[in-house]
C-alpha atoms as a PDB file:
ATOM      1  CA  MET A   1      16.035 -17.694   6.913  1.00  0.00           C
ATOM      2  CA  THR A   2      19.577 -17.361   4.994  1.00  0.00           C
ATOM      3  CA  GLU A   3      22.022 -14.341   4.870  1.00  0.00           C
ATOM      4  CA  LEU A   4      20.918 -13.205   1.765  1.00  0.00           C
ATOM      5  CA  GLU A   5      16.958 -13.268   2.564  1.00  0.00           C
ATOM      6  CA  ILE A   6      18.241 -11.416   5.890  1.00  0.00           C
ATOM      7  CA  ILE A   7      20.447  -8.786   3.393  1.00  0.00           C
ATOM      8  CA  THR A   8      17.962  -8.183   0.577  1.00  0.00           C
ATOM      9  CA  GLY A   9      14.522  -8.466   3.439  1.00  0.00           C
ATOM     10  CA  ASN A  10      14.173  -4.567   3.591  1.00  0.00           C
ATOM     11  CA  LEU A  11      15.333  -3.452   0.455  1.00  0.00           C
ATOM     12  CA  GLY A  12      10.960  -4.287  -0.076  1.00  0.00           C
ATOM     13  CA  LEU A  13      10.437  -1.218   2.130  1.00  0.00           C
ATOM     14  CA  PRO A  14      11.280   1.574  -0.231  1.00  0.00           C
ATOM     15  CA  ILE A  15       8.932   0.323  -3.197  1.00  0.00           C
ATOM     16  CA  LEU A  16       5.771   0.149  -0.099  1.00  0.00           C
ATOM     17  CA  ILE A  17       6.894   3.190   0.686  1.00  0.00           C
ATOM     18  CA  GLY A  18       6.588   4.480  -3.368  1.00  0.00           C
ATOM     19  CA  THR A  19       3.718   2.858  -3.571  1.00  0.00           C
ATOM     20  CA  LEU A  20       1.832   5.095  -0.787  1.00  0.00           C
ATOM     21  CA  TYR A  21       3.916   8.367  -2.115  1.00  0.00           C
ATOM     22  CA  VAL A  22       2.741   7.448  -6.031  1.00  0.00           C
ATOM     23  CA  SER A  23      -1.213   6.999  -4.001  1.00  0.00           C
ATOM     24  CA  TRP A  24      -0.848  10.451  -2.375  1.00  0.00           C
ATOM     25  CA  LEU A  25       0.303  11.687  -5.587  1.00  0.00           C
ATOM     26  CA  LEU A  26      -2.878   9.855  -7.323  1.00  0.00           C
ATOM     27  CA  GLN A  27      -5.080  11.886  -4.791  1.00  0.00           C
ATOM     28  CA  GLY A  28      -3.533  14.948  -5.386  1.00  0.00           C
ATOM     29  CA  PHE A  29      -4.465  14.790  -9.344  1.00  0.00           C
ATOM     30  CA  SER A  30      -7.832  13.351  -8.898  1.00  0.00           C
ATOM     31  CA  GLN A  31      -9.024  15.959  -6.416  1.00  0.00           C
ATOM     32  CA  ARG A  32      -8.185  18.837  -8.664  1.00  0.00           C
ATOM     33  CA  LEU A  33      -9.522  16.550 -11.846  1.00  0.00           C
ATOM     34  CA  GLY A  34     -12.365  15.976  -9.585  1.00  0.00           C
ATOM     35  CA  GLU A  35     -12.845  20.218  -9.159  1.00  0.00           C
ATOM     36  CA  VAL A  36     -12.225  21.040 -12.433  1.00  0.00           C
ATOM     37  CA  THR A  37     -14.743  18.099 -13.878  1.00  0.00           C
ATOM     38  CA  LYS A  38     -17.391  18.490 -10.663  1.00  0.00           C
ATOM     39  CA  MET A  39     -17.147  14.959  -9.992  1.00  0.00           C
ATOM     40  CA  LYS A  40     -17.809  13.460  -6.704  1.00  0.00           C
ATOM     41  CA  ALA A  41     -15.804  13.647  -3.852  1.00  0.00           C
ATOM     42  CA  TYR A  42     -13.871  10.041  -4.754  1.00  0.00           C
ATOM     43  CA  TYR A  43     -10.785  11.004  -3.589  1.00  0.00           C
ATOM     44  CA  ARG A  44     -11.799  10.551  -0.200  1.00  0.00           C
ATOM     45  CA  TRP A  45     -11.546   6.480  -0.652  1.00  0.00           C
ATOM     46  CA  PHE A  46      -8.107   7.141  -1.376  1.00  0.00           C
ATOM     47  CA  SER A  47      -7.402   7.628   2.211  1.00  0.00           C
ATOM     48  CA  LEU A  48      -8.984   4.328   2.868  1.00  0.00           C
ATOM     49  CA  GLY A  49      -6.708   2.809   0.388  1.00  0.00           C
ATOM     50  CA  ASN A  50      -3.465   4.452   1.976  1.00  0.00           C
ATOM     51  CA  ALA A  51      -4.503   3.455   5.597  1.00  0.00           C
ATOM     52  CA  PHE A  52      -4.582   0.487   4.541  1.00  0.00           C
ATOM     53  CA  LEU A  53      -1.100   0.675   2.548  1.00  0.00           C
ATOM     54  CA  ILE A  54       0.549   2.024   6.228  1.00  0.00           C
ATOM     55  CA  ILE A  55      -0.983  -0.897   7.515  1.00  0.00           C
ATOM     56  CA  SER A  56       0.632  -3.158   5.670  1.00  0.00           C
ATOM     57  CA  ILE A  57       4.072  -1.044   5.752  1.00  0.00           C
ATOM     58  CA  LEU A  58       3.967  -1.115   9.228  1.00  0.00           C
ATOM     59  CA  SER A  59       4.147  -5.056  10.131  1.00  0.00           C
ATOM     60  CA  TYR A  60       6.718  -5.515   6.958  1.00  0.00           C
ATOM     61  CA  ILE A  61       8.933  -3.488   9.536  1.00  0.00           C
ATOM     62  CA  VAL A  62       7.428  -5.424  12.517  1.00  0.00           C
ATOM     63  CA  ARG A  63       8.021  -8.521  11.007  1.00  0.00           C
ATOM     64  CA  TYR A  64      11.400  -8.339   9.855  1.00  0.00           C
ATOM     65  CA  ASN A  65      12.433  -6.858  12.351  1.00  0.00           C
ATOM     66  CA  ALA A  66      11.272 -10.059  14.171  1.00  0.00           C
ATOM     67  CA  ILE A  67      13.263 -12.528  12.218  1.00  0.00           C
ATOM     68  CA  LEU A  68      15.989 -10.320  12.843  1.00  0.00           C
ATOM     69  CA  ALA A  69      16.289 -10.544  16.271  1.00  0.00           C
ATOM     70  CA  GLN A  70      15.779 -14.550  15.932  1.00  0.00           C
ATOM     71  CA  GLN A  71      12.773 -14.377  18.250  1.00  0.00           C
ATOM     72  CA  PRO A  72       9.974 -17.037  17.527  1.00  0.00           C
ATOM     73  CA  ALA A  73       6.672 -14.382  17.891  1.00  0.00           C
ATOM     74  CA  LEU A  74       3.275 -14.006  15.838  1.00  0.00           C
ATOM     75  CA  PHE A  75       4.685 -11.832  13.760  1.00  0.00           C
ATOM     76  CA  VAL A  76       7.234 -14.982  12.137  1.00  0.00           C
ATOM     77  CA  THR A  77       3.799 -16.508  11.241  1.00  0.00           C
ATOM     78  CA  PRO A  78       2.423 -16.909   8.285  1.00  0.00           C
ATOM     79  CA  LEU A  79      -1.568 -15.931   9.880  1.00  0.00           C
ATOM     80  CA  PHE A  80       0.672 -12.991  10.626  1.00  0.00           C
ATOM     81  CA  THR A  81       2.089 -12.196   7.582  1.00  0.00           C
ATOM     82  CA  LEU A  82      -1.313 -12.595   5.553  1.00  0.00           C
ATOM     83  CA  LEU A  83      -3.677 -10.789   7.669  1.00  0.00           C
ATOM     84  CA  ALA A  84      -1.389  -7.798   8.918  1.00  0.00           C
ATOM     85  CA  PHE A  85       0.716  -7.355   5.082  1.00  0.00           C
ATOM     86  CA  HIS A  86      -0.679  -9.303   2.225  1.00  0.00           C
ATOM     87  CA  LEU A  87      -3.932  -8.651   2.908  1.00  0.00           C
ATOM     88  CA  PRO A  88      -4.176  -5.083   3.520  1.00  0.00           C
ATOM     89  CA  LEU A  89      -1.837  -4.697   1.175  1.00  0.00           C
ATOM     90  CA  ALA A  90      -3.644  -5.807  -1.458  1.00  0.00           C
ATOM     91  CA  LEU A  91      -7.081  -4.209  -0.454  1.00  0.00           C
ATOM     92  CA  GLY A  92      -5.271  -0.611  -0.157  1.00  0.00           C
ATOM     93  CA  VAL A  93      -3.760  -1.510  -3.834  1.00  0.00           C
ATOM     94  CA  ILE A  94      -7.335  -2.387  -5.286  1.00  0.00           C
ATOM     95  CA  LEU A  95      -8.944   0.058  -4.012  1.00  0.00           C
ATOM     96  CA  ASN A  96      -6.842   3.212  -4.905  1.00  0.00           C
ATOM     97  CA  LEU A  97      -6.299   1.642  -8.293  1.00  0.00           C
ATOM     98  CA  THR A  98     -10.421   1.411  -8.455  1.00  0.00           C
ATOM     99  CA  ILE A  99     -10.394   5.039  -7.603  1.00  0.00           C
ATOM    100  CA  THR A 100      -7.810   5.638 -10.216  1.00  0.00           C
ATOM    101  CA  LEU A 101      -9.377   4.067 -12.762  1.00  0.00           C
ATOM    102  CA  ILE A 102     -12.777   6.215 -11.898  1.00  0.00           C
ATOM    103  CA  TYR A 103     -11.078   9.662 -12.588  1.00  0.00           C
ATOM    104  CA  TRP A 104      -8.820   8.931 -15.004  1.00  0.00           C
ATOM    105  CA  TYR A 105     -10.711   6.659 -17.530  1.00  0.00           C
ATOM    106  CA  TRP A 106     -10.728   9.367 -20.147  1.00  0.00           C
ATOM    107  CA  LEU A 107      -7.000   8.718 -20.680  1.00  0.00           C
ATOM    108  CA  GLY A 108      -7.404   5.576 -23.044  1.00  0.00           C
ATOM    109  CA  HIS A 109     -11.951   6.393 -23.433  1.00  0.00           C
ATOM    110  CA  LYS A 110     -11.797   7.252 -26.945  1.00  0.00           C
END
């Protein structure tokens, strides 16, 4: 890894935390909207999506700490990155996006 990658590697962490924060906001707004419109409690699925996002954030932290420590560990392998970071991130974002679209489709619907 180059020095620039090491220096900028942890700049992705605030973006991931921001994604989680926006997801929590959407969960609260969707819950209130669902109560007003008497929709089913789909907002509860946000918790599962947020859990996937938290797993992804934790694996990101562990991976970059292992890279900075320059330890040849399991945490640096592409398989770990795929299973612990990319897959939970994709599942969390897709799940939260789907639930958001269920609640907020009427904004773009004529």
